[in-house]
Amino acid sequence: MEYFCNEPDSFWQSDDDTIKATAVREMESIGLLKKEQVLDAIVVKVTKAYPSYYGAYEKFGQVRQALDGIGNLYLIGRNGMHRYNNTDHSMLTAMEAVANIAAGRQDKSNIWDVNIGDEYHEQA
């Protein structure tokens, strides 16, 4: 689960157990799981979570290749892919990952193909 909020927001200020319970309740309410199926959870709060593209970003292809070689690791969303995806694109990458897992597909190129069209990219 990924929640967007700011540090002063009440959700950000909530304790980890409250955030975990909210996530489980929301996933249960849309039929993704039953709370009894949840074995563990962690909360990671990331301030200013937009990816930045400086430093060694030109070597990102090498990092992607290495991580794509890990069979049960799926990089999705804005932070996972280190790509500027809007929420819809982030959800699409998650849906592609789920489809891959369900089909036993090892090739992850379909996930990386989400949001490669120029029409969604901001102009500097």
PDB file of N, CA and C in Angstrom:
ATOM      1  N   MET A   1       0.854  -1.168   0.000  1.00  0.00           N
ATOM      2  CA  MET A   1       0.000   0.000   0.000  1.00  0.00           C
ATOM      3  C   MET A   1       0.897   1.227   0.000  1.00  0.00           C
ATOM      4  N   GLU A   2       0.416   2.250  -0.649  1.00  0.00           N
ATOM      5  CA  GLU A   2       1.136   3.515  -0.667  1.00  0.00           C
ATOM      6  C   GLU A   2       0.119   4.607  -0.402  1.00  0.00           C
ATOM      7  N   TYR A   3       0.404   5.440   0.570  1.00  0.00           N
ATOM      8  CA  TYR A   3      -0.469   6.550   0.917  1.00  0.00           C
ATOM      9  C   TYR A   3       0.299   7.849   0.696  1.00  0.00           C
ATOM     10  N   PHE A   4      -0.367   8.812   0.116  1.00  0.00           N
ATOM     11  CA  PHE A   4       0.245  10.119  -0.111  1.00  0.00           C
ATOM     12  C   PHE A   4      -0.293  11.089   0.923  1.00  0.00           C
ATOM     13  N   CYS A   5       0.600  11.668   1.682  1.00  0.00           N
ATOM     14  CA  CYS A   5       0.222  12.660   2.673  1.00  0.00           C
ATOM     15  C   CYS A   5       1.461  13.478   3.025  1.00  0.00           C
ATOM     16  N   ASN A   6       1.255  14.477   3.829  1.00  0.00           N
ATOM     17  CA  ASN A   6       2.349  15.340   4.266  1.00  0.00           C
ATOM     18  C   ASN A   6       2.626  15.111   5.742  1.00  0.00           C
ATOM     19  N   GLU A   7       3.809  15.485   6.176  1.00  0.00           N
ATOM     20  CA  GLU A   7       4.215  15.250   7.556  1.00  0.00           C
ATOM     21  C   GLU A   7       3.254  15.822   8.603  1.00  0.00           C
ATOM     22  N   PRO A   8       2.662  16.987   8.381  1.00  0.00           N
ATOM     23  CA  PRO A   8       1.732  17.504   9.398  1.00  0.00           C
ATOM     24  C   PRO A   8       0.376  16.791   9.426  1.00  0.00           C
ATOM     25  N   ASP A   9       0.054  15.986   8.403  1.00  0.00           N
ATOM     26  CA  ASP A   9      -1.248  15.327   8.316  1.00  0.00           C
ATOM     27  C   ASP A   9      -1.438  14.319   9.449  1.00  0.00           C
ATOM     28  N   SER A  10      -2.692  14.153   9.843  1.00  0.00           N
ATOM     29  CA  SER A  10      -2.995  13.215  10.934  1.00  0.00           C
ATOM     30  C   SER A  10      -2.622  11.784  10.559  1.00  0.00           C
ATOM     31  N   PHE A  11      -2.787  11.420   9.280  1.00  0.00           N
ATOM     32  CA  PHE A  11      -2.420  10.056   8.883  1.00  0.00           C
ATOM     33  C   PHE A  11      -0.926   9.835   9.067  1.00  0.00           C
ATOM     34  N   TRP A  12      -0.113  10.785   8.654  1.00  0.00           N
ATOM     35  CA  TRP A  12       1.343  10.679   8.829  1.00  0.00           C
ATOM     36  C   TRP A  12       1.681  10.544  10.309  1.00  0.00           C
ATOM     37  N   GLN A  13       0.981  11.270  11.117  1.00  0.00           N
ATOM     38  CA  GLN A  13       1.254  11.278  12.556  1.00  0.00           C
ATOM     39  C   GLN A  13       0.741  10.021  13.262  1.00  0.00           C
ATOM     40  N   SER A  14      -0.072   9.220  12.578  1.00  0.00           N
ATOM     41  CA  SER A  14      -0.604   8.001  13.188  1.00  0.00           C
ATOM     42  C   SER A  14       0.521   7.033  13.531  1.00  0.00           C
ATOM     43  N   ASP A  15       0.282   6.223  14.557  1.00  0.00           N
ATOM     44  CA  ASP A  15       1.280   5.212  14.908  1.00  0.00           C
ATOM     45  C   ASP A  15       1.240   4.088  13.873  1.00  0.00           C
ATOM     46  N   ASP A  16       2.300   3.301  13.828  1.00  0.00           N
ATOM     47  CA  ASP A  16       2.437   2.243  12.819  1.00  0.00           C
ATOM     48  C   ASP A  16       1.286   1.244  12.861  1.00  0.00           C
ATOM     49  N   ASP A  17       0.840   0.869  14.047  1.00  0.00           N
ATOM     50  CA  ASP A  17      -0.237  -0.116  14.145  1.00  0.00           C
ATOM     51  C   ASP A  17      -1.530   0.408  13.523  1.00  0.00           C
ATOM     52  N   THR A  18      -1.811   1.685  13.692  1.00  0.00           N
ATOM     53  CA  THR A  18      -3.007   2.286  13.089  1.00  0.00           C
ATOM     54  C   THR A  18      -2.902   2.290  11.576  1.00  0.00           C
ATOM     55  N   ILE A  19      -1.731   2.621  11.057  1.00  0.00           N
ATOM     56  CA  ILE A  19      -1.530   2.635   9.607  1.00  0.00           C
ATOM     57  C   ILE A  19      -1.644   1.222   9.034  1.00  0.00           C
ATOM     58  N   LYS A  20      -1.040   0.258   9.698  1.00  0.00           N
ATOM     59  CA  LYS A  20      -1.143  -1.140   9.244  1.00  0.00           C
ATOM     60  C   LYS A  20      -2.596  -1.592   9.223  1.00  0.00           C
ATOM     61  N   ALA A  21      -3.327  -1.297  10.284  1.00  0.00           N
ATOM     62  CA  ALA A  21      -4.728  -1.712  10.369  1.00  0.00           C
ATOM     63  C   ALA A  21      -5.555  -1.048   9.265  1.00  0.00           C
ATOM     64  N   THR A  22      -5.267   0.193   8.957  1.00  0.00           N
ATOM     65  CA  THR A  22      -5.971   0.895   7.880  1.00  0.00           C
ATOM     66  C   THR A  22      -5.700   0.210   6.545  1.00  0.00           C
ATOM     67  N   ALA A  23      -4.452  -0.119   6.285  1.00  0.00           N
ATOM     68  CA  ALA A  23      -4.093  -0.761   5.020  1.00  0.00           C
ATOM     69  C   ALA A  23      -4.786  -2.114   4.882  1.00  0.00           C
ATOM     70  N   VAL A  24      -4.762  -2.902   5.925  1.00  0.00           N
ATOM     71  CA  VAL A  24      -5.394  -4.223   5.880  1.00  0.00           C
ATOM     72  C   VAL A  24      -6.901  -4.072   5.695  1.00  0.00           C
ATOM     73  N   ARG A  25      -7.509  -3.186   6.428  1.00  0.00           N
ATOM     74  CA  ARG A  25      -8.954  -2.962   6.318  1.00  0.00           C
ATOM     75  C   ARG A  25      -9.337  -2.530   4.899  1.00  0.00           C
ATOM     76  N   GLU A  26      -8.544  -1.647   4.299  1.00  0.00           N
ATOM     77  CA  GLU A  26      -8.849  -1.184   2.948  1.00  0.00           C
ATOM     78  C   GLU A  26      -8.669  -2.297   1.918  1.00  0.00           C
ATOM     79  N   MET A  27      -7.616  -3.088   2.063  1.00  0.00           N
ATOM     80  CA  MET A  27      -7.419  -4.197   1.121  1.00  0.00           C
ATOM     81  C   MET A  27      -8.523  -5.237   1.281  1.00  0.00           C
ATOM     82  N   GLU A  28      -8.948  -5.461   2.512  1.00  0.00           N
ATOM     83  CA  GLU A  28     -10.027  -6.413   2.752  1.00  0.00           C
ATOM     84  C   GLU A  28     -11.338  -5.889   2.160  1.00  0.00           C
ATOM     85  N   SER A  29     -11.577  -4.592   2.276  1.00  0.00           N
ATOM     86  CA  SER A  29     -12.845  -4.031   1.808  1.00  0.00           C
ATOM     87  C   SER A  29     -13.001  -4.106   0.288  1.00  0.00           C
ATOM     88  N   ILE A  30     -11.893  -4.180  -0.442  1.00  0.00           N
ATOM     89  CA  ILE A  30     -11.995  -4.306  -1.904  1.00  0.00           C
ATOM     90  C   ILE A  30     -11.732  -5.734  -2.374  1.00  0.00           C
ATOM     91  N   GLY A  31     -11.647  -6.656  -1.425  1.00  0.00           N
ATOM     92  CA  GLY A  31     -11.571  -8.063  -1.762  1.00  0.00           C
ATOM     93  C   GLY A  31     -10.193  -8.582  -2.134  1.00  0.00           C
ATOM     94  N   LEU A  32      -9.138  -7.857  -1.808  1.00  0.00           N
ATOM     95  CA  LEU A  32      -7.791  -8.340  -2.119  1.00  0.00           C
ATOM     96  C   LEU A  32      -7.322  -9.430  -1.173  1.00  0.00           C
ATOM     97  N   LEU A  33      -7.789  -9.379   0.062  1.00  0.00           N
ATOM     98  CA  LEU A  33      -7.352 -10.365   1.051  1.00  0.00           C
ATOM     99  C   LEU A  33      -8.297 -10.363   2.227  1.00  0.00           C
ATOM    100  N   LYS A  34      -8.080 -11.312   3.109  1.00  0.00           N
ATOM    101  CA  LYS A  34      -8.758 -11.356   4.399  1.00  0.00           C
ATOM    102  C   LYS A  34      -7.693 -11.081   5.458  1.00  0.00           C
ATOM    103  N   LYS A  35      -8.070 -10.344   6.482  1.00  0.00           N
ATOM    104  CA  LYS A  35      -7.067  -9.921   7.464  1.00  0.00           C
ATOM    105  C   LYS A  35      -6.320 -11.098   8.072  1.00  0.00           C
ATOM    106  N   GLU A  36      -6.962 -12.266   8.119  1.00  0.00           N
ATOM    107  CA  GLU A  36      -6.301 -13.450   8.668  1.00  0.00           C
ATOM    108  C   GLU A  36      -5.122 -13.907   7.803  1.00  0.00           C
ATOM    109  N   GLN A  37      -5.099 -13.474   6.555  1.00  0.00           N
ATOM    110  CA  GLN A  37      -4.029 -13.864   5.644  1.00  0.00           C
ATOM    111  C   GLN A  37      -2.760 -13.020   5.826  1.00  0.00           C
ATOM    112  N   VAL A  38      -2.862 -11.904   6.517  1.00  0.00           N
ATOM    113  CA  VAL A  38      -1.722 -11.003   6.683  1.00  0.00           C
ATOM    114  C   VAL A  38      -0.805 -11.566   7.759  1.00  0.00           C
ATOM    115  N   LEU A  39       0.404 -11.880   7.363  1.00  0.00           N
ATOM    116  CA  LEU A  39       1.371 -12.464   8.294  1.00  0.00           C
ATOM    117  C   LEU A  39       2.242 -11.416   8.962  1.00  0.00           C
ATOM    118  N   ASP A  40       2.484 -10.318   8.246  1.00  0.00           N
ATOM    119  CA  ASP A  40       3.373  -9.296   8.784  1.00  0.00           C
ATOM    120  C   ASP A  40       3.177  -8.026   7.982  1.00  0.00           C
ATOM    121  N   ALA A  41       3.606  -6.923   8.512  1.00  0.00           N
ATOM    122  CA  ALA A  41       3.538  -5.635   7.818  1.00  0.00           C
ATOM    123  C   ALA A  41       4.559  -4.696   8.430  1.00  0.00           C
ATOM    124  N   ILE A  42       5.017  -3.777   7.622  1.00  0.00           N
ATOM    125  CA  ILE A  42       5.902  -2.716   8.118  1.00  0.00           C
ATOM    126  C   ILE A  42       5.395  -1.392   7.563  1.00  0.00           C
ATOM    127  N   VAL A  43       5.740  -0.335   8.222  1.00  0.00           N
ATOM    128  CA  VAL A  43       5.419   1.014   7.764  1.00  0.00           C
ATOM    129  C   VAL A  43       6.730   1.725   7.491  1.00  0.00           C
ATOM    130  N   VAL A  44       6.840   2.290   6.315  1.00  0.00           N
ATOM    131  CA  VAL A  44       8.003   3.092   5.958  1.00  0.00           C
ATOM    132  C   VAL A  44       7.488   4.459   5.549  1.00  0.00           C
ATOM    133  N   LYS A  45       7.869   5.476   6.285  1.00  0.00           N
ATOM    134  CA  LYS A  45       7.458   6.839   5.961  1.00  0.00           C
ATOM    135  C   LYS A  45       8.616   7.528   5.241  1.00  0.00           C
ATOM    136  N   VAL A  46       8.336   7.981   4.043  1.00  0.00           N
ATOM    137  CA  VAL A  46       9.376   8.596   3.218  1.00  0.00           C
ATOM    138  C   VAL A  46       9.012  10.056   2.997  1.00  0.00           C
ATOM    139  N   THR A  47       9.823  10.941   3.518  1.00  0.00           N
ATOM    140  CA  THR A  47       9.579  12.367   3.292  1.00  0.00           C
ATOM    141  C   THR A  47      10.051  12.753   1.904  1.00  0.00           C
ATOM    142  N   LYS A  48       9.340  13.667   1.301  1.00  0.00           N
ATOM    143  CA  LYS A  48       9.724  14.182  -0.013  1.00  0.00           C
ATOM    144  C   LYS A  48      10.089  13.037  -0.956  1.00  0.00           C
ATOM    145  N   ALA A  49       9.123  12.169  -1.209  1.00  0.00           N
ATOM    146  CA  ALA A  49       9.365  10.874  -1.836  1.00  0.00           C
ATOM    147  C   ALA A  49       9.509  10.895  -3.350  1.00  0.00           C
ATOM    148  N   TYR A  50       9.463  12.041  -3.988  1.00  0.00           N
ATOM    149  CA  TYR A  50       9.660  12.059  -5.433  1.00  0.00           C
ATOM    150  C   TYR A  50      11.078  11.643  -5.762  1.00  0.00           C
ATOM    151  N   PRO A  51      11.244  10.806  -6.777  1.00  0.00           N
ATOM    152  CA  PRO A  51      12.612  10.413  -7.150  1.00  0.00           C
ATOM    153  C   PRO A  51      13.392  11.597  -7.713  1.00  0.00           C
ATOM    154  N   SER A  52      14.660  11.578  -7.487  1.00  0.00           N
ATOM    155  CA  SER A  52      15.529  12.603  -8.071  1.00  0.00           C
ATOM    156  C   SER A  52      16.449  11.927  -9.073  1.00  0.00           C
ATOM    157  N   TYR A  53      16.782  12.651 -10.110  1.00  0.00           N
ATOM    158  CA  TYR A  53      17.512  12.064 -11.234  1.00  0.00           C
ATOM    159  C   TYR A  53      18.864  12.762 -11.400  1.00  0.00           C
ATOM    160  N   TYR A  54      19.744  12.529 -10.483  1.00  0.00           N
ATOM    161  CA  TYR A  54      21.079  13.100 -10.568  1.00  0.00           C
ATOM    162  C   TYR A  54      22.065  12.099  -9.986  1.00  0.00           C
ATOM    163  N   GLY A  55      23.305  12.417 -10.019  1.00  0.00           N
ATOM    164  CA  GLY A  55      24.312  11.493  -9.507  1.00  0.00           C
ATOM    165  C   GLY A  55      24.647  10.468 -10.568  1.00  0.00           C
ATOM    166  N   ALA A  56      24.388   9.204 -10.288  1.00  0.00           N
ATOM    167  CA  ALA A  56      24.738   8.118 -11.203  1.00  0.00           C
ATOM    168  C   ALA A  56      23.518   7.604 -11.961  1.00  0.00           C
ATOM    169  N   TYR A  57      22.524   8.448 -12.188  1.00  0.00           N
ATOM    170  CA  TYR A  57      21.294   8.005 -12.841  1.00  0.00           C
ATOM    171  C   TYR A  57      21.550   7.420 -14.224  1.00  0.00           C
ATOM    172  N   GLU A  58      22.618   7.850 -14.881  1.00  0.00           N
ATOM    173  CA  GLU A  58      22.927   7.311 -16.210  1.00  0.00           C
ATOM    174  C   GLU A  58      23.255   5.820 -16.156  1.00  0.00           C
ATOM    175  N   LYS A  59      23.513   5.289 -14.976  1.00  0.00           N
ATOM    176  CA  LYS A  59      23.806   3.858 -14.816  1.00  0.00           C
ATOM    177  C   LYS A  59      22.562   3.077 -14.379  1.00  0.00           C
ATOM    178  N   PHE A  60      21.404   3.720 -14.434  1.00  0.00           N
ATOM    179  CA  PHE A  60      20.194   3.071 -13.959  1.00  0.00           C
ATOM    180  C   PHE A  60      19.900   1.791 -14.733  1.00  0.00           C
ATOM    181  N   GLY A  61      20.202   1.744 -16.012  1.00  0.00           N
ATOM    182  CA  GLY A  61      19.983   0.535 -16.807  1.00  0.00           C
ATOM    183  C   GLY A  61      20.687  -0.675 -16.222  1.00  0.00           C
ATOM    184  N   GLN A  62      21.900  -0.457 -15.712  1.00  0.00           N
ATOM    185  CA  GLN A  62      22.644  -1.557 -15.096  1.00  0.00           C
ATOM    186  C   GLN A  62      21.965  -2.023 -13.805  1.00  0.00           C
ATOM    187  N   VAL A  63      21.479  -1.063 -13.036  1.00  0.00           N
ATOM    188  CA  VAL A  63      20.788  -1.397 -11.795  1.00  0.00           C
ATOM    189  C   VAL A  63      19.505  -2.166 -12.118  1.00  0.00           C
ATOM    190  N   ARG A  64      18.744  -1.659 -13.099  1.00  0.00           N
ATOM    191  CA  ARG A  64      17.514  -2.338 -13.493  1.00  0.00           C
ATOM    192  C   ARG A  64      17.801  -3.775 -13.940  1.00  0.00           C
ATOM    193  N   GLN A  65      18.803  -3.965 -14.764  1.00  0.00           N
ATOM    194  CA  GLN A  65      19.131  -5.297 -15.267  1.00  0.00           C
ATOM    195  C   GLN A  65      19.447  -6.256 -14.121  1.00  0.00           C
ATOM    196  N   ALA A  66      20.218  -5.785 -13.169  1.00  0.00           N
ATOM    197  CA  ALA A  66      20.577  -6.624 -12.024  1.00  0.00           C
ATOM    198  C   ALA A  66      19.343  -6.973 -11.188  1.00  0.00           C
ATOM    199  N   LEU A  67      18.494  -5.980 -10.929  1.00  0.00           N
ATOM    200  CA  LEU A  67      17.316  -6.223 -10.098  1.00  0.00           C
ATOM    201  C   LEU A  67      16.266  -7.048 -10.834  1.00  0.00           C
ATOM    202  N   ASP A  68      16.127  -6.850 -12.135  1.00  0.00           N
ATOM    203  CA  ASP A  68      15.177  -7.665 -12.907  1.00  0.00           C
ATOM    204  C   ASP A  68      15.578  -9.139 -12.902  1.00  0.00           C
ATOM    205  N   GLY A  69      16.844  -9.425 -12.635  1.00  0.00           N
ATOM    206  CA  GLY A  69      17.312 -10.803 -12.573  1.00  0.00           C
ATOM    207  C   GLY A  69      16.891 -11.537 -11.303  1.00  0.00           C
ATOM    208  N   ILE A  70      16.333 -10.814 -10.361  1.00  0.00           N
ATOM    209  CA  ILE A  70      15.838 -11.433  -9.126  1.00  0.00           C
ATOM    210  C   ILE A  70      14.385 -11.817  -9.383  1.00  0.00           C
ATOM    211  N   GLY A  71      14.140 -13.102  -9.515  1.00  0.00           N
ATOM    212  CA  GLY A  71      12.854 -13.608  -9.990  1.00  0.00           C
ATOM    213  C   GLY A  71      11.637 -13.122  -9.236  1.00  0.00           C
ATOM    214  N   ASN A  72      11.702 -13.049  -7.922  1.00  0.00           N
ATOM    215  CA  ASN A  72      10.518 -12.689  -7.149  1.00  0.00           C
ATOM    216  C   ASN A  72      10.527 -11.221  -6.692  1.00  0.00           C
ATOM    217  N   LEU A  73      11.307 -10.388  -7.367  1.00  0.00           N
ATOM    218  CA  LEU A  73      11.346  -8.961  -7.065  1.00  0.00           C
ATOM    219  C   LEU A  73      10.745  -8.200  -8.234  1.00  0.00           C
ATOM    220  N   TYR A  74       9.721  -7.413  -7.955  1.00  0.00           N
ATOM    221  CA  TYR A  74       9.042  -6.630  -8.987  1.00  0.00           C
ATOM    222  C   TYR A  74       9.102  -5.160  -8.598  1.00  0.00           C
ATOM    223  N   LEU A  75       9.811  -4.386  -9.389  1.00  0.00           N
ATOM    224  CA  LEU A  75       9.880  -2.951  -9.146  1.00  0.00           C
ATOM    225  C   LEU A  75       8.651  -2.312  -9.770  1.00  0.00           C
ATOM    226  N   ILE A  76       7.877  -1.623  -8.952  1.00  0.00           N
ATOM    227  CA  ILE A  76       6.644  -1.010  -9.438  1.00  0.00           C
ATOM    228  C   ILE A  76       6.506   0.389  -8.874  1.00  0.00           C
ATOM    229  N   GLY A  77       5.665   1.184  -9.510  1.00  0.00           N
ATOM    230  CA  GLY A  77       5.349   2.510  -8.994  1.00  0.00           C
ATOM    231  C   GLY A  77       6.483   3.502  -9.136  1.00  0.00           C
ATOM    232  N   ARG A  78       6.249   4.663  -8.618  1.00  0.00           N
ATOM    233  CA  ARG A  78       7.177   5.782  -8.746  1.00  0.00           C
ATOM    234  C   ARG A  78       8.516   5.498  -8.084  1.00  0.00           C
ATOM    235  N   ASN A  79       8.477   5.075  -6.846  1.00  0.00           N
ATOM    236  CA  ASN A  79       9.739   4.863  -6.128  1.00  0.00           C
ATOM    237  C   ASN A  79      10.404   3.553  -6.499  1.00  0.00           C
ATOM    238  N   GLY A  80       9.625   2.519  -6.729  1.00  0.00           N
ATOM    239  CA  GLY A  80      10.201   1.237  -7.088  1.00  0.00           C
ATOM    240  C   GLY A  80      10.937   1.280  -8.414  1.00  0.00           C
ATOM    241  N   MET A  81      10.381   2.037  -9.358  1.00  0.00           N
ATOM    242  CA  MET A  81      10.971   2.105 -10.697  1.00  0.00           C
ATOM    243  C   MET A  81      11.870   3.327 -10.862  1.00  0.00           C
ATOM    244  N   HIS A  82      11.895   4.164  -9.867  1.00  0.00           N
ATOM    245  CA  HIS A  82      12.654   5.411  -9.920  1.00  0.00           C
ATOM    246  C   HIS A  82      12.312   6.182 -11.203  1.00  0.00           C
ATOM    247  N   ARG A  83      11.009   6.297 -11.399  1.00  0.00           N
ATOM    248  CA  ARG A  83      10.480   6.926 -12.614  1.00  0.00           C
ATOM    249  C   ARG A  83       9.310   7.803 -12.211  1.00  0.00           C
ATOM    250  N   TYR A  84       9.156   8.909 -12.916  1.00  0.00           N
ATOM    251  CA  TYR A  84       8.032   9.785 -12.619  1.00  0.00           C
ATOM    252  C   TYR A  84       6.767   9.195 -13.232  1.00  0.00           C
ATOM    253  N   ASN A  85       6.050   8.415 -12.437  1.00  0.00           N
ATOM    254  CA  ASN A  85       4.754   7.868 -12.820  1.00  0.00           C
ATOM    255  C   ASN A  85       3.679   8.598 -12.035  1.00  0.00           C
ATOM    256  N   ASN A  86       2.546   8.876 -12.693  1.00  0.00           N
ATOM    257  CA  ASN A  86       1.425   9.372 -11.913  1.00  0.00           C
ATOM    258  C   ASN A  86       0.784   8.176 -11.210  1.00  0.00           C
ATOM    259  N   THR A  87      -0.232   8.419 -10.416  1.00  0.00           N
ATOM    260  CA  THR A  87      -0.843   7.340  -9.644  1.00  0.00           C
ATOM    261  C   THR A  87      -1.415   6.260 -10.550  1.00  0.00           C
ATOM    262  N   ASP A  88      -2.055   6.652 -11.653  1.00  0.00           N
ATOM    263  CA  ASP A  88      -2.620   5.655 -12.565  1.00  0.00           C
ATOM    264  C   ASP A  88      -1.536   4.753 -13.136  1.00  0.00           C
ATOM    265  N   HIS A  89      -0.433   5.345 -13.552  1.00  0.00           N
ATOM    266  CA  HIS A  89       0.653   4.542 -14.100  1.00  0.00           C
ATOM    267  C   HIS A  89       1.263   3.645 -13.022  1.00  0.00           C
ATOM    268  N   SER A  90       1.365   4.153 -11.823  1.00  0.00           N
ATOM    269  CA  SER A  90       1.899   3.336 -10.733  1.00  0.00           C
ATOM    270  C   SER A  90       1.007   2.130 -10.486  1.00  0.00           C
ATOM    271  N   MET A  91      -0.304   2.339 -10.506  1.00  0.00           N
ATOM    272  CA  MET A  91      -1.237   1.225 -10.325  1.00  0.00           C
ATOM    273  C   MET A  91      -1.134   0.241 -11.491  1.00  0.00           C
ATOM    274  N   LEU A  92      -0.957   0.746 -12.704  1.00  0.00           N
ATOM    275  CA  LEU A  92      -0.813  -0.142 -13.858  1.00  0.00           C
ATOM    276  C   LEU A  92       0.428  -1.017 -13.734  1.00  0.00           C
ATOM    277  N   THR A  93       1.525  -0.456 -13.218  1.00  0.00           N
ATOM    278  CA  THR A  93       2.724  -1.281 -13.050  1.00  0.00           C
ATOM    279  C   THR A  93       2.464  -2.387 -12.033  1.00  0.00           C
ATOM    280  N   ALA A  94       1.704  -2.073 -10.985  1.00  0.00           N
ATOM    281  CA  ALA A  94       1.355  -3.096  -9.994  1.00  0.00           C
ATOM    282  C   ALA A  94       0.480  -4.174 -10.621  1.00  0.00           C
ATOM    283  N   MET A  95      -0.474  -3.771 -11.447  1.00  0.00           N
ATOM    284  CA  MET A  95      -1.359  -4.737 -12.094  1.00  0.00           C
ATOM    285  C   MET A  95      -0.581  -5.640 -13.044  1.00  0.00           C
ATOM    286  N   GLU A  96       0.378  -5.081 -13.753  1.00  0.00           N
ATOM    287  CA  GLU A  96       1.218  -5.896 -14.641  1.00  0.00           C
ATOM    288  C   GLU A  96       2.054  -6.886 -13.832  1.00  0.00           C
ATOM    289  N   ALA A  97       2.574  -6.433 -12.690  1.00  0.00           N
ATOM    290  CA  ALA A  97       3.360  -7.335 -11.839  1.00  0.00           C
ATOM    291  C   ALA A  97       2.496  -8.494 -11.340  1.00  0.00           C
ATOM    292  N   VAL A  98       1.279  -8.200 -10.917  1.00  0.00           N
ATOM    293  CA  VAL A  98       0.375  -9.253 -10.448  1.00  0.00           C
ATOM    294  C   VAL A  98       0.084 -10.227 -11.584  1.00  0.00           C
ATOM    295  N   ALA A  99      -0.164  -9.701 -12.788  1.00  0.00           N
ATOM    296  CA  ALA A  99      -0.424 -10.575 -13.941  1.00  0.00           C
ATOM    297  C   ALA A  99       0.785 -11.473 -14.211  1.00  0.00           C
ATOM    298  N   ASN A 100       1.984 -10.912 -14.101  1.00  0.00           N
ATOM    299  CA  ASN A 100       3.196 -11.713 -14.294  1.00  0.00           C
ATOM    300  C   ASN A 100       3.295 -12.827 -13.259  1.00  0.00           C
ATOM    301  N   ILE A 101       3.052 -12.484 -12.014  1.00  0.00           N
ATOM    302  CA  ILE A 101       3.136 -13.483 -10.941  1.00  0.00           C
ATOM    303  C   ILE A 101       2.119 -14.590 -11.185  1.00  0.00           C
ATOM    304  N   ALA A 102       0.884 -14.213 -11.509  1.00  0.00           N
ATOM    305  CA  ALA A 102      -0.177 -15.195 -11.728  1.00  0.00           C
ATOM    306  C   ALA A 102       0.130 -16.116 -12.912  1.00  0.00           C
ATOM    307  N   ALA A 103       0.789 -15.551 -13.937  1.00  0.00           N
ATOM    308  CA  ALA A 103       1.093 -16.334 -15.142  1.00  0.00           C
ATOM    309  C   ALA A 103       2.440 -17.044 -15.070  1.00  0.00           C
ATOM    310  N   GLY A 104       3.210 -16.766 -14.019  1.00  0.00           N
ATOM    311  CA  GLY A 104       4.549 -17.345 -13.922  1.00  0.00           C
ATOM    312  C   GLY A 104       5.521 -16.735 -14.909  1.00  0.00           C
ATOM    313  N   ARG A 105       5.237 -15.531 -15.358  1.00  0.00           N
ATOM    314  CA  ARG A 105       6.075 -14.847 -16.347  1.00  0.00           C
ATOM    315  C   ARG A 105       7.316 -14.278 -15.669  1.00  0.00           C
ATOM    316  N   GLN A 106       8.472 -14.562 -16.203  1.00  0.00           N
ATOM    317  CA  GLN A 106       9.732 -14.059 -15.658  1.00  0.00           C
ATOM    318  C   GLN A 106      10.160 -12.736 -16.293  1.00  0.00           C
ATOM    319  N   ASP A 107       9.802 -12.540 -17.552  1.00  0.00           N
ATOM    320  CA  ASP A 107      10.149 -11.304 -18.263  1.00  0.00           C
ATOM    321  C   ASP A 107       9.341 -10.142 -17.686  1.00  0.00           C
ATOM    322  N   LYS A 108      10.008  -9.099 -17.288  1.00  0.00           N
ATOM    323  CA  LYS A 108       9.349  -7.964 -16.639  1.00  0.00           C
ATOM    324  C   LYS A 108       9.233  -6.751 -17.552  1.00  0.00           C
ATOM    325  N   SER A 109       9.491  -6.934 -18.840  1.00  0.00           N
ATOM    326  CA  SER A 109       9.481  -5.793 -19.765  1.00  0.00           C
ATOM    327  C   SER A 109       8.118  -5.128 -19.843  1.00  0.00           C
ATOM    328  N   ASN A 110       7.028  -5.892 -19.670  1.00  0.00           N
ATOM    329  CA  ASN A 110       5.703  -5.276 -19.724  1.00  0.00           C
ATOM    330  C   ASN A 110       5.506  -4.260 -18.606  1.00  0.00           C
ATOM    331  N   ILE A 111       6.123  -4.491 -17.476  1.00  0.00           N
ATOM    332  CA  ILE A 111       6.029  -3.524 -16.377  1.00  0.00           C
ATOM    333  C   ILE A 111       6.760  -2.242 -16.767  1.00  0.00           C
ATOM    334  N   TRP A 112       7.929  -2.397 -17.348  1.00  0.00           N
ATOM    335  CA  TRP A 112       8.728  -1.238 -17.742  1.00  0.00           C
ATOM    336  C   TRP A 112       8.138  -0.500 -18.945  1.00  0.00           C
ATOM    337  N   ASP A 113       7.230  -1.147 -19.668  1.00  0.00           N
ATOM    338  CA  ASP A 113       6.607  -0.503 -20.824  1.00  0.00           C
ATOM    339  C   ASP A 113       5.491   0.461 -20.439  1.00  0.00           C
ATOM    340  N   VAL A 114       5.061   0.442 -19.185  1.00  0.00           N
ATOM    341  CA  VAL A 114       4.027   1.376 -18.731  1.00  0.00           C
ATOM    342  C   VAL A 114       4.628   2.782 -18.669  1.00  0.00           C
ATOM    343  N   ASN A 115       3.930   3.735 -19.225  1.00  0.00           N
ATOM    344  CA  ASN A 115       4.309   5.154 -19.176  1.00  0.00           C
ATOM    345  C   ASN A 115       5.610   5.447 -19.915  1.00  0.00           C
ATOM    346  N   ILE A 116       5.748   4.918 -21.104  1.00  0.00           N
ATOM    347  CA  ILE A 116       6.929   5.277 -21.895  1.00  0.00           C
ATOM    348  C   ILE A 116       6.593   6.265 -23.004  1.00  0.00           C
ATOM    349  N   GLY A 117       5.300   6.589 -23.151  1.00  0.00           N
ATOM    350  CA  GLY A 117       4.899   7.558 -24.172  1.00  0.00           C
ATOM    351  C   GLY A 117       5.167   8.986 -23.730  1.00  0.00           C
ATOM    352  N   ASP A 118       5.589   9.808 -24.652  1.00  0.00           N
ATOM    353  CA  ASP A 118       5.927  11.199 -24.329  1.00  0.00           C
ATOM    354  C   ASP A 118       4.726  12.041 -23.904  1.00  0.00           C
ATOM    355  N   GLU A 119       3.499  11.625 -24.239  1.00  0.00           N
ATOM    356  CA  GLU A 119       2.340  12.467 -23.960  1.00  0.00           C
ATOM    357  C   GLU A 119       2.103  12.690 -22.472  1.00  0.00           C
ATOM    358  N   TYR A 120       2.676  11.850 -21.604  1.00  0.00           N
ATOM    359  CA  TYR A 120       2.459  12.004 -20.168  1.00  0.00           C
ATOM    360  C   TYR A 120       3.640  12.654 -19.446  1.00  0.00           C
ATOM    361  N   HIS A 121       4.694  12.942 -20.162  1.00  0.00           N
ATOM    362  CA  HIS A 121       5.887  13.479 -19.508  1.00  0.00           C
ATOM    363  C   HIS A 121       5.871  15.004 -19.518  1.00  0.00           C
ATOM    364  N   GLU A 122       6.289  15.566 -18.397  1.00  0.00           N
ATOM    365  CA  GLU A 122       6.329  17.017 -18.274  1.00  0.00           C
ATOM    366  C   GLU A 122       7.477  17.585 -19.079  1.00  0.00           C
ATOM    367  N   GLN A 123       7.273  18.779 -19.565  1.00  0.00           N
ATOM    368  CA  GLN A 123       8.325  19.468 -20.316  1.00  0.00           C
ATOM    369  C   GLN A 123       9.067  20.403 -19.383  1.00  0.00           C
ATOM    370  N   ALA A 124      10.365  20.452 -19.505  1.00  0.00           N
ATOM    371  CA  ALA A 124      11.177  21.325 -18.648  1.00  0.00           C
ATOM    372  C   ALA A 124      11.101  22.760 -19.131  1.00  0.00           C
TER     373      ALA A 124
END
